[in-house]
Amino acid sequence: MELKQVEKISKALSDVNRLKLLQYMQKNQGKVECTRACNLLDLAQPSISHHIKKLVESGLINQHKIGRNYNYSLNHEVWDNYILRLQNL
């Protein structure tokens, strides 16, 4: 993993709302539905979309479209590589 990717992931993890979302996903088999994320964070939908976009762009979560809705899942490979890279700094 390149340092640029480590930086991008680190920035994505620097917001408490994104951490809450990731924590919820970890407790729920690594998945969350977009509608559940809105209820979980008690934020407006555009704010939720912004936070999710940052997590998707960093590679920490994957986006899956099912009909008109989106579901998200943790990208365990990226997590593992990120942790390994941090350990080897």
C-alpha atoms as a PDB file:
ATOM      1  CA  MET A   1       0.000   0.000   0.000  1.00  0.00           C
ATOM      2  CA  GLU A   2       1.371   3.387  -1.024  1.00  0.00           C
ATOM      3  CA  LEU A   3       1.745   6.209   1.487  1.00  0.00           C
ATOM      4  CA  LYS A   4      -0.800   8.280  -0.464  1.00  0.00           C
ATOM      5  CA  GLN A   5      -3.428   5.598   0.188  1.00  0.00           C
ATOM      6  CA  VAL A   6      -2.451   5.479   3.878  1.00  0.00           C
ATOM      7  CA  GLU A   7      -2.953   9.248   4.023  1.00  0.00           C
ATOM      8  CA  LYS A   8      -6.361   9.034   2.336  1.00  0.00           C
ATOM      9  CA  ILE A   9      -7.541   6.335   4.744  1.00  0.00           C
ATOM     10  CA  SER A  10      -6.211   8.236   7.746  1.00  0.00           C
ATOM     11  CA  LYS A  11      -8.113  11.345   6.683  1.00  0.00           C
ATOM     12  CA  ALA A  12     -11.281   9.296   6.214  1.00  0.00           C
ATOM     13  CA  LEU A  13     -10.886   7.999   9.772  1.00  0.00           C
ATOM     14  CA  SER A  14     -10.462  11.496  11.220  1.00  0.00           C
ATOM     15  CA  ASP A  15     -14.197  12.182  11.611  1.00  0.00           C
ATOM     16  CA  VAL A  16     -16.250  10.903  14.554  1.00  0.00           C
ATOM     17  CA  ASN A  17     -19.353  10.295  12.409  1.00  0.00           C
ATOM     18  CA  ARG A  18     -17.394   8.071  10.042  1.00  0.00           C
ATOM     19  CA  LEU A  19     -15.960   6.192  13.009  1.00  0.00           C
ATOM     20  CA  LYS A  20     -19.486   5.654  14.388  1.00  0.00           C
ATOM     21  CA  LEU A  21     -20.604   4.326  11.034  1.00  0.00           C
ATOM     22  CA  LEU A  22     -17.642   1.945  10.814  1.00  0.00           C
ATOM     23  CA  GLN A  23     -18.187   0.817  14.399  1.00  0.00           C
ATOM     24  CA  TYR A  24     -21.832   0.037  13.622  1.00  0.00           C
ATOM     25  CA  MET A  25     -20.803  -1.895  10.518  1.00  0.00           C
ATOM     26  CA  GLN A  26     -18.273  -3.935  12.483  1.00  0.00           C
ATOM     27  CA  LYS A  27     -20.976  -4.935  14.977  1.00  0.00           C
ATOM     28  CA  ASN A  28     -23.380  -5.894  12.165  1.00  0.00           C
ATOM     29  CA  GLN A  29     -21.388  -8.357  10.084  1.00  0.00           C
ATOM     30  CA  GLY A  30     -19.569  -5.546   8.298  1.00  0.00           C
ATOM     31  CA  LYS A  31     -22.675  -4.218   6.549  1.00  0.00           C
ATOM     32  CA  VAL A  32     -25.090  -1.293   6.666  1.00  0.00           C
ATOM     33  CA  GLU A  33     -27.942  -0.031   4.494  1.00  0.00           C
ATOM     34  CA  CYS A  34     -28.042   3.638   3.544  1.00  0.00           C
ATOM     35  CA  THR A  35     -31.397   4.188   5.267  1.00  0.00           C
ATOM     36  CA  ARG A  36     -30.033   2.652   8.485  1.00  0.00           C
ATOM     37  CA  ALA A  37     -27.002   4.951   8.333  1.00  0.00           C
ATOM     38  CA  CYS A  38     -29.304   7.991   8.261  1.00  0.00           C
ATOM     39  CA  ASN A  39     -31.075   6.824  11.425  1.00  0.00           C
ATOM     40  CA  LEU A  40     -27.845   5.837  13.134  1.00  0.00           C
ATOM     41  CA  LEU A  41     -26.012   9.159  12.826  1.00  0.00           C
ATOM     42  CA  ASP A  42     -28.950  11.540  13.202  1.00  0.00           C
ATOM     43  CA  LEU A  43     -27.635  13.711  10.382  1.00  0.00           C
ATOM     44  CA  ALA A  44     -29.234  15.049   7.228  1.00  0.00           C
ATOM     45  CA  GLN A  45     -29.086  12.742   4.216  1.00  0.00           C
ATOM     46  CA  PRO A  46     -26.598  14.949   2.306  1.00  0.00           C
ATOM     47  CA  SER A  47     -24.210  14.792   5.268  1.00  0.00           C
ATOM     48  CA  ILE A  48     -24.529  11.005   5.426  1.00  0.00           C
ATOM     49  CA  SER A  49     -23.806  10.789   1.703  1.00  0.00           C
ATOM     50  CA  HIS A  50     -20.688  12.931   2.153  1.00  0.00           C
ATOM     51  CA  HIS A  51     -19.324  10.717   4.940  1.00  0.00           C
ATOM     52  CA  ILE A  52     -20.078   7.510   3.061  1.00  0.00           C
ATOM     53  CA  LYS A  53     -18.458   8.922  -0.086  1.00  0.00           C
ATOM     54  CA  LYS A  54     -15.243   9.614   1.834  1.00  0.00           C
ATOM     55  CA  LEU A  55     -15.189   6.035   3.161  1.00  0.00           C
ATOM     56  CA  VAL A  56     -15.852   4.584  -0.298  1.00  0.00           C
ATOM     57  CA  GLU A  57     -13.162   6.782  -1.913  1.00  0.00           C
ATOM     58  CA  SER A  58     -10.646   5.670   0.694  1.00  0.00           C
ATOM     59  CA  GLY A  59     -11.456   2.040  -0.082  1.00  0.00           C
ATOM     60  CA  LEU A  60     -12.494   1.218   3.496  1.00  0.00           C
ATOM     61  CA  ILE A  61     -16.019   0.263   2.431  1.00  0.00           C
ATOM     62  CA  ASN A  62     -17.557  -1.119  -0.745  1.00  0.00           C
ATOM     63  CA  GLN A  63     -20.781   0.169  -2.273  1.00  0.00           C
ATOM     64  CA  HIS A  64     -23.436  -2.184  -3.677  1.00  0.00           C
ATOM     65  CA  LYS A  65     -26.553  -0.986  -5.479  1.00  0.00           C
ATOM     66  CA  ILE A  66     -29.651  -3.110  -4.924  1.00  0.00           C
ATOM     67  CA  GLY A  67     -32.621  -1.726  -6.800  1.00  0.00           C
ATOM     68  CA  ARG A  68     -32.912   1.928  -5.830  1.00  0.00           C
ATOM     69  CA  ASN A  69     -30.970   1.540  -2.587  1.00  0.00           C
ATOM     70  CA  TYR A  70     -27.318   1.213  -1.698  1.00  0.00           C
ATOM     71  CA  ASN A  71     -25.766  -1.172   0.785  1.00  0.00           C
ATOM     72  CA  TYR A  72     -22.248  -0.879   2.097  1.00  0.00           C
ATOM     73  CA  SER A  73     -19.785  -3.454   3.372  1.00  0.00           C
ATOM     74  CA  LEU A  74     -16.370  -3.292   4.985  1.00  0.00           C
ATOM     75  CA  ASN A  75     -13.442  -3.929   2.669  1.00  0.00           C
ATOM     76  CA  HIS A  76     -11.424  -6.245   4.897  1.00  0.00           C
ATOM     77  CA  GLU A  77      -8.522  -6.482   2.448  1.00  0.00           C
ATOM     78  CA  VAL A  78      -7.921  -2.726   2.555  1.00  0.00           C
ATOM     79  CA  TRP A  79      -8.253  -2.707   6.350  1.00  0.00           C
ATOM     80  CA  ASP A  80      -5.693  -5.479   6.693  1.00  0.00           C
ATOM     81  CA  ASN A  81      -3.246  -3.775   4.317  1.00  0.00           C
ATOM     82  CA  TYR A  82      -3.697  -0.438   6.113  1.00  0.00           C
ATOM     83  CA  ILE A  83      -2.964  -1.937   9.517  1.00  0.00           C
ATOM     84  CA  LEU A  84       0.034  -3.819   8.165  1.00  0.00           C
ATOM     85  CA  ARG A  85       1.407  -0.676   6.527  1.00  0.00           C
ATOM     86  CA  LEU A  86       1.028   1.314   9.762  1.00  0.00           C
ATOM     87  CA  GLN A  87       2.876  -1.377  11.686  1.00  0.00           C
ATOM     88  CA  ASN A  88       5.760  -1.169   9.228  1.00  0.00           C
ATOM     89  CA  LEU A  89       6.210   2.614   9.211  1.00  0.00           C
END
